[in-house]
C-alpha atoms as a PDB file:
ATOM      1  CA  UNK A   1      74.336 100.200 125.628  1.00  0.00           C
ATOM      2  CA  UNK A   2      75.410  97.363 123.353  1.00  0.00           C
ATOM      3  CA  UNK A   3      74.010  93.923 123.877  1.00  0.00           C
ATOM      4  CA  UNK A   4      76.282  91.185 125.173  1.00  0.00           C
ATOM      5  CA  UNK A   5      78.205  89.560 122.342  1.00  0.00           C
ATOM      6  CA  UNK A   6      78.062  92.622 120.087  1.00  0.00           C
ATOM      7  CA  UNK A   7      80.887  93.051 117.582  1.00  0.00           C
ATOM      8  CA  UNK A   8      82.993  96.151 118.194  1.00  0.00           C
ATOM      9  CA  UNK A   9      84.795  96.335 114.854  1.00  0.00           C
ATOM     10  CA  UNK A  10      84.093  95.964 111.171  1.00  0.00           C
ATOM     11  CA  UNK A  11      85.694  92.918 109.554  1.00  0.00           C
ATOM     12  CA  UNK A  12      86.610  93.668 105.951  1.00  0.00           C
ATOM     13  CA  UNK A  13      86.012  90.709 103.677  1.00  0.00           C
ATOM     14  CA  UNK A  14      88.956  89.648 101.538  1.00  0.00           C
ATOM     15  CA  UNK A  15      87.641  87.378  98.770  1.00  0.00           C
ATOM     16  CA  UNK A  16      89.712  84.268  98.172  1.00  0.00           C
ATOM     17  CA  UNK A  17      91.600  84.447  94.895  1.00  0.00           C
ATOM     18  CA  UNK A  18      90.901  81.896  92.172  1.00  0.00           C
ATOM     19  CA  UNK A  19      94.650  81.760  91.422  1.00  0.00           C
ATOM     20  CA  UNK A  20      96.588  81.679  94.671  1.00  0.00           C
ATOM     21  CA  UNK A  21     100.228  82.447  95.324  1.00  0.00           C
ATOM     22  CA  UNK A  22     102.498  79.423  95.702  1.00  0.00           C
ATOM     23  CA  UNK A  23     106.009  78.793  97.032  1.00  0.00           C
ATOM     24  CA  UNK A  24     107.601  78.567  93.585  1.00  0.00           C
ATOM     25  CA  UNK A  25     106.054  81.818  92.350  1.00  0.00           C
ATOM     26  CA  UNK A  26     108.058  84.954  91.659  1.00  0.00           C
ATOM     27  CA  UNK A  27     106.854  88.416  92.628  1.00  0.00           C
ATOM     28  CA  UNK A  28     107.442  92.016  91.588  1.00  0.00           C
ATOM     29  CA  UNK A  29     106.169  94.922  93.676  1.00  0.00           C
ATOM     30  CA  UNK A  30     105.980  98.466  92.348  1.00  0.00           C
ATOM     31  CA  UNK A  31     104.556 101.665  93.740  1.00  0.00           C
ATOM     32  CA  UNK A  32     104.277 103.559  96.986  1.00  0.00           C
ATOM     33  CA  UNK A  33     106.045 103.079 100.294  1.00  0.00           C
ATOM     34  CA  UNK A  34     103.338 100.556 101.230  1.00  0.00           C
ATOM     35  CA  UNK A  35     104.471  98.377  98.306  1.00  0.00           C
ATOM     36  CA  UNK A  36     107.966  98.688  99.721  1.00  0.00           C
ATOM     37  CA  UNK A  37     106.810  97.454 103.139  1.00  0.00           C
ATOM     38  CA  UNK A  38     104.985  94.439 101.722  1.00  0.00           C
ATOM     39  CA  UNK A  39     107.797  93.692  99.272  1.00  0.00           C
ATOM     40  CA  UNK A  40     110.335  93.635 102.068  1.00  0.00           C
ATOM     41  CA  UNK A  41     108.044  91.230 103.927  1.00  0.00           C
ATOM     42  CA  UNK A  42     108.126  88.855 100.922  1.00  0.00           C
ATOM     43  CA  UNK A  43     111.911  89.107 100.806  1.00  0.00           C
ATOM     44  CA  UNK A  44     112.334  88.577 104.556  1.00  0.00           C
ATOM     45  CA  UNK A  45     110.588  85.216 104.207  1.00  0.00           C
ATOM     46  CA  UNK A  46     113.053  84.149 101.539  1.00  0.00           C
ATOM     47  CA  UNK A  47     110.566  84.409  98.677  1.00  0.00           C
ATOM     48  CA  UNK A  48     111.633  85.520  95.211  1.00  0.00           C
ATOM     49  CA  UNK A  49     110.561  89.171  95.134  1.00  0.00           C
ATOM     50  CA  UNK A  50     111.874  92.262  93.346  1.00  0.00           C
ATOM     51  CA  UNK A  51     110.693  95.448  95.016  1.00  0.00           C
ATOM     52  CA  UNK A  52     110.849  98.928  93.486  1.00  0.00           C
ATOM     53  CA  UNK A  53     114.246  98.555  91.777  1.00  0.00           C
ATOM     54  CA  UNK A  54     113.926 102.161  90.523  1.00  0.00           C
ATOM     55  CA  UNK A  55     112.736 103.568  93.824  1.00  0.00           C
ATOM     56  CA  UNK A  56     109.380 104.265  95.417  1.00  0.00           C
ATOM     57  CA  UNK A  57     106.792 105.556  92.916  1.00  0.00           C
ATOM     58  CA  UNK A  58     103.397 107.037  93.739  1.00  0.00           C
ATOM     59  CA  UNK A  59     101.273 107.893  90.696  1.00  0.00           C
ATOM     60  CA  UNK A  60      99.916 105.661  87.885  1.00  0.00           C
ATOM     61  CA  UNK A  61     101.696 107.481  85.067  1.00  0.00           C
ATOM     62  CA  UNK A  62     105.168 107.139  86.592  1.00  0.00           C
ATOM     63  CA  UNK A  63     104.610 103.441  87.306  1.00  0.00           C
ATOM     64  CA  UNK A  64     103.428 102.865  83.737  1.00  0.00           C
ATOM     65  CA  UNK A  65     106.476 104.698  82.358  1.00  0.00           C
ATOM     66  CA  UNK A  66     108.811 102.471  84.379  1.00  0.00           C
ATOM     67  CA  UNK A  67     107.074  99.305  83.168  1.00  0.00           C
ATOM     68  CA  UNK A  68     107.161 100.446  79.529  1.00  0.00           C
ATOM     69  CA  UNK A  69     110.823 101.402  79.675  1.00  0.00           C
ATOM     70  CA  UNK A  70     111.722  98.130  81.406  1.00  0.00           C
ATOM     71  CA  UNK A  71     109.999  96.022  78.749  1.00  0.00           C
ATOM     72  CA  UNK A  72     110.566  98.030  75.579  1.00  0.00           C
ATOM     73  CA  UNK A  73     113.387 100.516  76.295  1.00  0.00           C
ATOM     74  CA  UNK A  74     112.079 102.677  73.452  1.00  0.00           C
ATOM     75  CA  UNK A  75     113.095 106.039  74.899  1.00  0.00           C
ATOM     76  CA  UNK A  76     116.413 107.498  75.946  1.00  0.00           C
ATOM     77  CA  UNK A  77     116.888 108.067  79.639  1.00  0.00           C
ATOM     78  CA  UNK A  78     116.062 111.610  80.809  1.00  0.00           C
ATOM     79  CA  UNK A  79     119.243 112.403  82.730  1.00  0.00           C
ATOM     80  CA  UNK A  80     120.016 115.859  84.083  1.00  0.00           C
ATOM     81  CA  UNK A  81     122.720 117.516  86.136  1.00  0.00           C
ATOM     82  CA  UNK A  82     122.092 119.533  89.295  1.00  0.00           C
ATOM     83  CA  UNK A  83     124.583 120.802  91.896  1.00  0.00           C
ATOM     84  CA  UNK A  84     127.359 118.647  90.467  1.00  0.00           C
ATOM     85  CA  UNK A  85     125.312 115.427  90.469  1.00  0.00           C
ATOM     86  CA  UNK A  86     123.564 113.543  87.689  1.00  0.00           C
ATOM     87  CA  UNK A  87     120.014 112.302  88.259  1.00  0.00           C
ATOM     88  CA  UNK A  88     117.256 110.617  86.241  1.00  0.00           C
ATOM     89  CA  UNK A  89     113.682 111.894  86.146  1.00  0.00           C
ATOM     90  CA  UNK A  90     112.337 108.317  86.045  1.00  0.00           C
ATOM     91  CA  UNK A  91     113.985 107.078  89.243  1.00  0.00           C
ATOM     92  CA  UNK A  92     113.948 107.782  92.938  1.00  0.00           C
ATOM     93  CA  UNK A  93     116.583 109.638  94.920  1.00  0.00           C
ATOM     94  CA  UNK A  94     118.734 106.552  95.524  1.00  0.00           C
ATOM     95  CA  UNK A  95     120.126 106.988  92.013  1.00  0.00           C
ATOM     96  CA  UNK A  96     122.784 109.620  91.483  1.00  0.00           C
ATOM     97  CA  UNK A  97     126.376 109.942  90.290  1.00  0.00           C
ATOM     98  CA  UNK A  98     129.013 112.535  89.585  1.00  0.00           C
ATOM     99  CA  UNK A  99     129.506 111.168  86.046  1.00  0.00           C
ATOM    100  CA  UNK A 100     126.762 110.947  83.446  1.00  0.00           C
ATOM    101  CA  UNK A 101     127.916 107.614  81.999  1.00  0.00           C
ATOM    102  CA  UNK A 102     128.077 106.036  85.454  1.00  0.00           C
ATOM    103  CA  UNK A 103     124.503 107.021  86.203  1.00  0.00           C
ATOM    104  CA  UNK A 104     123.295 105.880  82.788  1.00  0.00           C
ATOM    105  CA  UNK A 105     124.788 102.422  83.361  1.00  0.00           C
ATOM    106  CA  UNK A 106     123.274 102.229  86.839  1.00  0.00           C
ATOM    107  CA  UNK A 107     119.796 103.201  85.666  1.00  0.00           C
ATOM    108  CA  UNK A 108     119.956 100.940  82.601  1.00  0.00           C
ATOM    109  CA  UNK A 109     120.885  98.015  84.854  1.00  0.00           C
ATOM    110  CA  UNK A 110     117.921  98.762  87.122  1.00  0.00           C
ATOM    111  CA  UNK A 111     115.509  98.884  84.179  1.00  0.00           C
ATOM    112  CA  UNK A 112     116.995  95.646  82.819  1.00  0.00           C
ATOM    113  CA  UNK A 113     116.531  94.033  86.234  1.00  0.00           C
ATOM    114  CA  UNK A 114     112.900  95.123  86.306  1.00  0.00           C
ATOM    115  CA  UNK A 115     112.266  93.904  82.756  1.00  0.00           C
ATOM    116  CA  UNK A 116     113.785  90.498  83.494  1.00  0.00           C
ATOM    117  CA  UNK A 117     111.860  90.233  86.756  1.00  0.00           C
ATOM    118  CA  UNK A 118     108.543  91.094  85.068  1.00  0.00           C
ATOM    119  CA  UNK A 119     109.039  88.495  82.335  1.00  0.00           C
ATOM    120  CA  UNK A 120     109.793  85.811  84.921  1.00  0.00           C
ATOM    121  CA  UNK A 121     107.232  86.846  87.537  1.00  0.00           C
ATOM    122  CA  UNK A 122     103.895  85.238  88.319  1.00  0.00           C
ATOM    123  CA  UNK A 123     102.456  88.209  90.241  1.00  0.00           C
ATOM    124  CA  UNK A 124     102.975  91.945  89.932  1.00  0.00           C
ATOM    125  CA  UNK A 125     101.712  94.061  92.819  1.00  0.00           C
ATOM    126  CA  UNK A 126     100.995  97.670  91.841  1.00  0.00           C
ATOM    127  CA  UNK A 127     100.331  99.935  94.820  1.00  0.00           C
ATOM    128  CA  UNK A 128      98.906 103.305  93.827  1.00  0.00           C
ATOM    129  CA  UNK A 129      99.405 106.202  96.217  1.00  0.00           C
ATOM    130  CA  UNK A 130      97.977 109.293  94.533  1.00  0.00           C
ATOM    131  CA  UNK A 131      96.649 110.604  91.239  1.00  0.00           C
ATOM    132  CA  UNK A 132      98.772 113.754  91.542  1.00  0.00           C
ATOM    133  CA  UNK A 133     101.911 113.908  89.416  1.00  0.00           C
ATOM    134  CA  UNK A 134     104.511 116.499  88.482  1.00  0.00           C
ATOM    135  CA  UNK A 135     105.495 117.388  84.929  1.00  0.00           C
ATOM    136  CA  UNK A 136     108.387 119.340  83.506  1.00  0.00           C
ATOM    137  CA  UNK A 137     107.156 122.614  82.109  1.00  0.00           C
ATOM    138  CA  UNK A 138     109.648 122.495  79.241  1.00  0.00           C
ATOM    139  CA  UNK A 139     108.277 119.298  77.667  1.00  0.00           C
ATOM    140  CA  UNK A 140     105.346 118.006  79.762  1.00  0.00           C
ATOM    141  CA  UNK A 141     107.166 114.831  80.810  1.00  0.00           C
ATOM    142  CA  UNK A 142     105.952 113.291  84.078  1.00  0.00           C
ATOM    143  CA  UNK A 143     108.730 112.803  86.598  1.00  0.00           C
ATOM    144  CA  UNK A 144     108.958 110.072  89.217  1.00  0.00           C
ATOM    145  CA  UNK A 145     110.803 112.311  91.656  1.00  0.00           C
ATOM    146  CA  UNK A 146     111.613 116.009  91.638  1.00  0.00           C
ATOM    147  CA  UNK A 147     115.100 115.414  93.104  1.00  0.00           C
ATOM    148  CA  UNK A 148     114.897 118.715  95.029  1.00  0.00           C
ATOM    149  CA  UNK A 149     115.083 120.654  91.765  1.00  0.00           C
ATOM    150  CA  UNK A 150     113.540 124.158  91.801  1.00  0.00           C
ATOM    151  CA  UNK A 151     109.747 124.082  91.944  1.00  0.00           C
ATOM    152  CA  UNK A 152     109.630 126.527  89.055  1.00  0.00           C
ATOM    153  CA  UNK A 153     110.596 123.665  86.704  1.00  0.00           C
ATOM    154  CA  UNK A 154     107.384 121.741  87.352  1.00  0.00           C
ATOM    155  CA  UNK A 155     103.658 121.970  87.104  1.00  0.00           C
ATOM    156  CA  UNK A 156     101.375 119.891  89.307  1.00  0.00           C
ATOM    157  CA  UNK A 157      98.814 117.785  87.446  1.00  0.00           C
ATOM    158  CA  UNK A 158      95.885 115.777  88.750  1.00  0.00           C
ATOM    159  CA  UNK A 159      95.020 112.684  86.722  1.00  0.00           C
ATOM    160  CA  UNK A 160      91.249 112.300  86.443  1.00  0.00           C
ATOM    161  CA  UNK A 161      89.431 108.969  86.434  1.00  0.00           C
ATOM    162  CA  UNK A 162      89.618 108.523  82.679  1.00  0.00           C
ATOM    163  CA  UNK A 163      93.341 109.325  82.574  1.00  0.00           C
ATOM    164  CA  UNK A 164      94.159 106.895  85.416  1.00  0.00           C
ATOM    165  CA  UNK A 165      92.099 104.160  83.788  1.00  0.00           C
ATOM    166  CA  UNK A 166      93.554 104.674  80.313  1.00  0.00           C
ATOM    167  CA  UNK A 167      97.159 104.846  81.554  1.00  0.00           C
ATOM    168  CA  UNK A 168      96.869 101.654  83.571  1.00  0.00           C
ATOM    169  CA  UNK A 169      94.894  99.880  80.827  1.00  0.00           C
ATOM    170  CA  UNK A 170      97.742 100.634  78.427  1.00  0.00           C
ATOM    171  CA  UNK A 171     100.186  99.172  80.938  1.00  0.00           C
ATOM    172  CA  UNK A 172      98.065  96.018  81.254  1.00  0.00           C
ATOM    173  CA  UNK A 173      97.915  95.603  77.478  1.00  0.00           C
ATOM    174  CA  UNK A 174     101.693  95.845  77.270  1.00  0.00           C
ATOM    175  CA  UNK A 175     102.107  93.342  80.100  1.00  0.00           C
ATOM    176  CA  UNK A 176      99.693  90.952  78.398  1.00  0.00           C
ATOM    177  CA  UNK A 177     101.867  91.035  75.277  1.00  0.00           C
ATOM    178  CA  UNK A 178     105.257  90.822  76.961  1.00  0.00           C
ATOM    179  CA  UNK A 179     104.437  88.799  80.110  1.00  0.00           C
ATOM    180  CA  UNK A 180     101.403  86.620  79.283  1.00  0.00           C
ATOM    181  CA  UNK A 181     101.506  84.535  82.477  1.00  0.00           C
ATOM    182  CA  UNK A 182     101.732  87.582  84.771  1.00  0.00           C
ATOM    183  CA  UNK A 183      98.812  88.362  87.079  1.00  0.00           C
ATOM    184  CA  UNK A 184      98.558  91.986  88.252  1.00  0.00           C
ATOM    185  CA  UNK A 185      97.375  92.748  91.775  1.00  0.00           C
ATOM    186  CA  UNK A 186      96.253  96.321  92.364  1.00  0.00           C
ATOM    187  CA  UNK A 187      96.236  97.881  95.803  1.00  0.00           C
ATOM    188  CA  UNK A 188      95.640 101.458  96.921  1.00  0.00           C
ATOM    189  CA  UNK A 189      98.034 102.651  99.582  1.00  0.00           C
ATOM    190  CA  UNK A 190      96.446 103.471 102.957  1.00  0.00           C
ATOM    191  CA  UNK A 191      99.044 106.245 103.404  1.00  0.00           C
ATOM    192  CA  UNK A 192      97.262 109.582 103.904  1.00  0.00           C
ATOM    193  CA  UNK A 193      98.579 112.491 101.834  1.00  0.00           C
ATOM    194  CA  UNK A 194      98.358 115.452 104.206  1.00  0.00           C
ATOM    195  CA  UNK A 195     100.300 117.513 101.647  1.00  0.00           C
ATOM    196  CA  UNK A 196      97.185 117.797  99.476  1.00  0.00           C
ATOM    197  CA  UNK A 197      94.806 118.237 102.404  1.00  0.00           C
ATOM    198  CA  UNK A 198      92.825 115.317 103.752  1.00  0.00           C
ATOM    199  CA  UNK A 199      89.836 116.054 101.529  1.00  0.00           C
ATOM    200  CA  UNK A 200      92.161 116.136  98.523  1.00  0.00           C
ATOM    201  CA  UNK A 201      93.766 112.902  99.695  1.00  0.00           C
ATOM    202  CA  UNK A 202      90.367 111.213  99.890  1.00  0.00           C
ATOM    203  CA  UNK A 203      89.456 112.430  96.407  1.00  0.00           C
ATOM    204  CA  UNK A 204      92.720 110.986  95.081  1.00  0.00           C
ATOM    205  CA  UNK A 205      92.060 107.628  96.737  1.00  0.00           C
ATOM    206  CA  UNK A 206      88.493 107.600  95.403  1.00  0.00           C
ATOM    207  CA  UNK A 207      89.750 108.228  91.862  1.00  0.00           C
ATOM    208  CA  UNK A 208      92.291 105.425  92.140  1.00  0.00           C
ATOM    209  CA  UNK A 209      89.741 103.019  93.631  1.00  0.00           C
ATOM    210  CA  UNK A 210      87.285 103.709  90.812  1.00  0.00           C
ATOM    211  CA  UNK A 211      90.002 103.260  88.182  1.00  0.00           C
ATOM    212  CA  UNK A 212      91.148  99.956  89.659  1.00  0.00           C
ATOM    213  CA  UNK A 213      87.560  98.713  89.940  1.00  0.00           C
ATOM    214  CA  UNK A 214      87.026  99.425  86.251  1.00  0.00           C
ATOM    215  CA  UNK A 215      90.277  97.699  85.287  1.00  0.00           C
ATOM    216  CA  UNK A 216      89.413  94.578  87.290  1.00  0.00           C
ATOM    217  CA  UNK A 217      86.079  94.409  85.430  1.00  0.00           C
ATOM    218  CA  UNK A 218      87.783  94.833  82.039  1.00  0.00           C
ATOM    219  CA  UNK A 219      90.610  92.369  82.711  1.00  0.00           C
ATOM    220  CA  UNK A 220      89.213  89.720  85.104  1.00  0.00           C
ATOM    221  CA  UNK A 221      91.625  87.030  83.915  1.00  0.00           C
ATOM    222  CA  UNK A 222      94.662  89.277  84.367  1.00  0.00           C
ATOM    223  CA  UNK A 223      93.955  91.309  87.519  1.00  0.00           C
ATOM    224  CA  UNK A 224      93.003  91.137  91.182  1.00  0.00           C
ATOM    225  CA  UNK A 225      92.311  93.773  93.801  1.00  0.00           C
ATOM    226  CA  UNK A 226      93.587  93.444  97.354  1.00  0.00           C
ATOM    227  CA  UNK A 227      91.861  95.794  99.854  1.00  0.00           C
ATOM    228  CA  UNK A 228      94.843  97.078 101.832  1.00  0.00           C
ATOM    229  CA  UNK A 229      93.242 100.536 101.940  1.00  0.00           C
ATOM    230  CA  UNK A 230      90.005  99.227 103.414  1.00  0.00           C
ATOM    231  CA  UNK A 231      91.764  96.946 105.898  1.00  0.00           C
ATOM    232  CA  UNK A 232      93.433  99.916 107.566  1.00  0.00           C
ATOM    233  CA  UNK A 233      90.711 102.540 107.276  1.00  0.00           C
ATOM    234  CA  UNK A 234      87.619 100.365 107.795  1.00  0.00           C
ATOM    235  CA  UNK A 235      88.844  97.328 109.728  1.00  0.00           C
ATOM    236  CA  UNK A 236      91.652  98.514 112.033  1.00  0.00           C
ATOM    237  CA  UNK A 237      90.347 102.092 112.077  1.00  0.00           C
ATOM    238  CA  UNK A 238      92.303 103.368 115.073  1.00  0.00           C
ATOM    239  CA  UNK A 239      95.266 105.728 115.481  1.00  0.00           C
ATOM    240  CA  UNK A 240      97.210 103.064 117.383  1.00  0.00           C
ATOM    241  CA  UNK A 241      97.662 101.407 113.991  1.00  0.00           C
ATOM    242  CA  UNK A 242      99.435 104.460 112.590  1.00  0.00           C
ATOM    243  CA  UNK A 243     103.075 105.458 112.968  1.00  0.00           C
ATOM    244  CA  UNK A 244     104.083 108.437 115.116  1.00  0.00           C
ATOM    245  CA  UNK A 245     103.336 110.824 112.238  1.00  0.00           C
ATOM    246  CA  UNK A 246      99.687 109.640 112.306  1.00  0.00           C
ATOM    247  CA  UNK A 247      99.846 109.234 108.515  1.00  0.00           C
ATOM    248  CA  UNK A 248     101.913 106.130 107.695  1.00  0.00           C
ATOM    249  CA  UNK A 249     100.676 102.664 108.727  1.00  0.00           C
ATOM    250  CA  UNK A 250     102.378 101.320 111.850  1.00  0.00           C
ATOM    251  CA  UNK A 251     104.288  98.003 111.699  1.00  0.00           C
ATOM    252  CA  UNK A 252     101.361  96.316 113.482  1.00  0.00           C
ATOM    253  CA  UNK A 253      99.032  97.446 110.684  1.00  0.00           C
ATOM    254  CA  UNK A 254     101.383  96.191 107.973  1.00  0.00           C
ATOM    255  CA  UNK A 255     101.630  92.888 109.855  1.00  0.00           C
ATOM    256  CA  UNK A 256      97.843  92.545 110.002  1.00  0.00           C
ATOM    257  CA  UNK A 257      97.441  93.332 106.308  1.00  0.00           C
ATOM    258  CA  UNK A 258     100.148  90.770 105.534  1.00  0.00           C
ATOM    259  CA  UNK A 259      98.273  88.212 107.637  1.00  0.00           C
ATOM    260  CA  UNK A 260      95.048  88.803 105.690  1.00  0.00           C
ATOM    261  CA  UNK A 261      97.000  88.526 102.433  1.00  0.00           C
ATOM    262  CA  UNK A 262      98.404  85.142 103.457  1.00  0.00           C
ATOM    263  CA  UNK A 263      95.009  83.835 104.586  1.00  0.00           C
ATOM    264  CA  UNK A 264      93.050  84.709 101.457  1.00  0.00           C
ATOM    265  CA  UNK A 265      95.580  84.853  98.653  1.00  0.00           C
ATOM    266  CA  UNK A 266      98.166  82.111  99.327  1.00  0.00           C
ATOM    267  CA  UNK A 267      97.740  78.369  99.024  1.00  0.00           C
ATOM    268  CA  UNK A 268      98.063  75.999 101.983  1.00  0.00           C
ATOM    269  CA  UNK A 269     101.626  74.945 101.159  1.00  0.00           C
ATOM    270  CA  UNK A 270     102.867  78.535 101.042  1.00  0.00           C
ATOM    271  CA  UNK A 271     101.113  79.332 104.318  1.00  0.00           C
ATOM    272  CA  UNK A 272     102.729  76.293 105.905  1.00  0.00           C
ATOM    273  CA  UNK A 273     106.127  77.345 104.630  1.00  0.00           C
ATOM    274  CA  UNK A 274     105.698  80.857 106.070  1.00  0.00           C
ATOM    275  CA  UNK A 275     104.732  79.431 109.446  1.00  0.00           C
ATOM    276  CA  UNK A 276     107.822  77.210 109.562  1.00  0.00           C
ATOM    277  CA  UNK A 277     110.071  79.985 108.245  1.00  0.00           C
ATOM    278  CA  UNK A 278     108.870  82.570 110.795  1.00  0.00           C
ATOM    279  CA  UNK A 279     111.319  81.588 113.607  1.00  0.00           C
ATOM    280  CA  UNK A 280     114.147  81.355 111.051  1.00  0.00           C
ATOM    281  CA  UNK A 281     113.244  84.843 109.831  1.00  0.00           C
ATOM    282  CA  UNK A 282     113.417  86.150 113.406  1.00  0.00           C
ATOM    283  CA  UNK A 283     116.827  84.560 113.853  1.00  0.00           C
ATOM    284  CA  UNK A 284     118.154  86.026 110.608  1.00  0.00           C
ATOM    285  CA  UNK A 285     116.864  89.486 111.535  1.00  0.00           C
ATOM    286  CA  UNK A 286     118.416  89.375 115.013  1.00  0.00           C
ATOM    287  CA  UNK A 287     121.170  91.933 115.580  1.00  0.00           C
ATOM    288  CA  UNK A 288     123.557  91.228 118.485  1.00  0.00           C
ATOM    289  CA  UNK A 289     124.236  93.883 121.113  1.00  0.00           C
ATOM    290  CA  UNK A 290     127.815  92.714 121.521  1.00  0.00           C
ATOM    291  CA  UNK A 291     128.731  92.779 117.849  1.00  0.00           C
ATOM    292  CA  UNK A 292     129.512  89.846 115.566  1.00  0.00           C
ATOM    293  CA  UNK A 293     131.015  87.476 118.104  1.00  0.00           C
ATOM    294  CA  UNK A 294     131.949  83.884 117.294  1.00  0.00           C
ATOM    295  CA  UNK A 295     128.772  82.673 118.988  1.00  0.00           C
ATOM    296  CA  UNK A 296     126.624  85.070 116.959  1.00  0.00           C
ATOM    297  CA  UNK A 297     128.282  84.080 113.676  1.00  0.00           C
ATOM    298  CA  UNK A 298     127.643  80.402 114.448  1.00  0.00           C
ATOM    299  CA  UNK A 299     124.025  81.212 115.368  1.00  0.00           C
ATOM    300  CA  UNK A 300     123.522  83.129 112.127  1.00  0.00           C
ATOM    301  CA  UNK A 301     125.153  80.410 110.036  1.00  0.00           C
ATOM    302  CA  UNK A 302     122.840  77.803 111.559  1.00  0.00           C
ATOM    303  CA  UNK A 303     119.816  79.991 110.766  1.00  0.00           C
ATOM    304  CA  UNK A 304     120.960  80.369 107.152  1.00  0.00           C
ATOM    305  CA  UNK A 305     121.288  76.585 106.883  1.00  0.00           C
ATOM    306  CA  UNK A 306     117.735  76.119 108.192  1.00  0.00           C
ATOM    307  CA  UNK A 307     116.507  78.689 105.690  1.00  0.00           C
ATOM    308  CA  UNK A 308     118.120  76.842 102.775  1.00  0.00           C
ATOM    309  CA  UNK A 309     116.650  73.514 103.902  1.00  0.00           C
ATOM    310  CA  UNK A 310     113.136  74.958 104.068  1.00  0.00           C
ATOM    311  CA  UNK A 311     113.507  76.669 100.710  1.00  0.00           C
ATOM    312  CA  UNK A 312     114.705  73.449  99.096  1.00  0.00           C
ATOM    313  CA  UNK A 313     111.941  71.380 100.742  1.00  0.00           C
ATOM    314  CA  UNK A 314     109.165  73.739  99.616  1.00  0.00           C
ATOM    315  CA  UNK A 315     110.601  74.593  96.204  1.00  0.00           C
ATOM    316  CA  UNK A 316     111.046  78.289  96.862  1.00  0.00           C
ATOM    317  CA  UNK A 317     112.573  80.255  93.974  1.00  0.00           C
ATOM    318  CA  UNK A 318     115.549  82.159  95.385  1.00  0.00           C
END
């Protein structure tokens, strides 16, 4: 029996960052669906954040390819046609068109948006999901998404520790040249990859964690690590913090991880702004049951006005 006053959970320490996020900072978030969740949280508070403009991406090599193409545009876009639609191997499934030129313009615009955002950003969050990637058998090119193409076109590849480290180190070197003020924050997604078996999923996470640890030692002035993975698996550590599929983090878990991010990684002014903006955010996210009545439109307009006043007062880049 535990003694009175015993602690019944493990509190994961989140070291305070030497360079904290501020209201005027700009953010880019790339990577897995967890990056998407946190990026949307930034955006919902009216902060300047670009989140996965090319779609959700899971492995280090695909993320590095997107960053390189956004900043250098050295390679032609790998477009292909399937079932009457054009797709791009470097984007997610949201990109597609019946005409090749239309898709090329759309993808080029997305890469240009990412390149501009990276050059202007203060923080880049890179959320790694897995070290497993898929490559085209015909040329060995790693694809971001298979776009439901026949499995016979691909081979599955597992990036080992050295490959993950080298790929991401190359990305950091490029970012240091092109975006010298940018600080890169690595996270490992707490999403569990049942597809590869839970032992395989743990091996993938371990590889990514070791790679990120090495990168943070090599580039201490350029990188940080935020322990989203540990906060869910070691701190919350309960199935009530998972979604119905028992694999994705539940909204409550994402909210808790966001709270720990604000406490340890944001300055006092930004935290104050978020606190004041929270009721405005709730008002802006409200969806009326009776449709867009005159009263609702007036309510929403008033909320937008409050949002603008707060953003102006705190110098938020919008």
